[in-house]
Amino acid sequence: MKKLQVVSLLTLASSVLLWTAGRAASPLPDWAVRVNGVVMCAAMAALVFSTVRLHLKNS
């Protein structure tokens, strides 16, 4: 679970950086924004799942 937590956190961070760069530099194409949103949602769900699972395991 710890590995899933780290990977999902890195994926979420890179997704947020891509989103920020797209807003600041030049607009991204519509498909790129949509794919980035799907990846961001999946990474957030995986991060929450792994964090809760580790917290319950350690309790």
Protein backbone atom coordinates (compact mmCIF):
# COMPACT_ATOMS: atom_id res chain seq x y z
CA MET A 1 0.00 0.00 0.00
CA LYS A 2 2.88 2.36 0.70
CA LYS A 3 4.12 1.95 -2.87
CA LEU A 4 0.64 2.71 -4.24
CA GLN A 5 0.48 5.79 -2.04
CA VAL A 6 3.81 7.11 -3.30
CA VAL A 7 3.02 6.41 -6.96
CA SER A 8 -0.42 8.00 -6.75
CA LEU A 9 1.01 11.05 -4.96
CA LEU A 10 3.65 11.51 -7.67
CA THR A 11 1.04 11.04 -10.40
CA LEU A 12 -1.26 13.57 -8.77
CA ALA A 13 1.58 16.07 -8.35
CA SER A 14 2.66 15.75 -11.98
CA SER A 15 -0.94 16.08 -13.10
CA VAL A 16 -1.35 19.29 -11.12
CA LEU A 17 1.92 20.62 -12.56
CA LEU A 18 0.73 19.85 -16.08
CA TRP A 19 -2.59 21.55 -15.39
CA THR A 20 -0.82 24.63 -13.98
CA ALA A 21 1.62 24.80 -16.89
CA GLY A 22 -1.25 24.54 -19.34
CA ARG A 23 -3.05 27.42 -17.66
CA ALA A 24 0.05 29.62 -17.36
CA ALA A 25 1.98 29.06 -20.59
CA SER A 26 -0.43 28.21 -23.36
CA PRO A 27 -3.81 26.52 -23.39
CA LEU A 28 -3.75 22.77 -23.79
CA PRO A 29 -5.96 21.02 -26.32
CA ASP A 30 -9.37 19.92 -25.10
CA TRP A 31 -8.48 16.22 -25.18
CA ALA A 32 -5.36 16.82 -23.07
CA VAL A 33 -7.33 18.68 -20.42
CA ARG A 34 -9.91 15.89 -20.28
CA VAL A 35 -7.30 13.12 -20.06
CA ASN A 36 -5.45 15.06 -17.37
CA GLY A 37 -8.68 15.40 -15.40
CA VAL A 38 -9.37 11.67 -15.59
CA VAL A 39 -5.80 10.87 -14.49
CA MET A 40 -6.11 13.39 -11.66
CA CYS A 41 -9.36 11.83 -10.42
CA ALA A 42 -7.95 8.30 -10.58
CA ALA A 43 -4.77 9.32 -8.76
CA MET A 44 -6.76 11.08 -6.06
CA ALA A 45 -8.98 8.03 -5.54
CA ALA A 46 -5.94 5.74 -5.32
CA LEU A 47 -4.23 8.12 -2.89
CA VAL A 48 -7.27 8.27 -0.60
CA PHE A 49 -7.72 4.49 -0.74
CA SER A 50 -4.11 3.71 0.09
CA THR A 51 -3.93 6.33 2.86
CA VAL A 52 -7.08 5.07 4.58
CA ARG A 53 -5.98 1.45 4.18
CA LEU A 54 -2.57 2.18 5.74
CA HIS A 55 -4.17 4.15 8.56
CA LEU A 56 -6.55 1.29 9.36
CA LYS A 57 -3.73 -1.25 9.16
CA ASN A 58 -1.58 0.71 11.62
CA SER A 59 -4.42 1.22 14.12
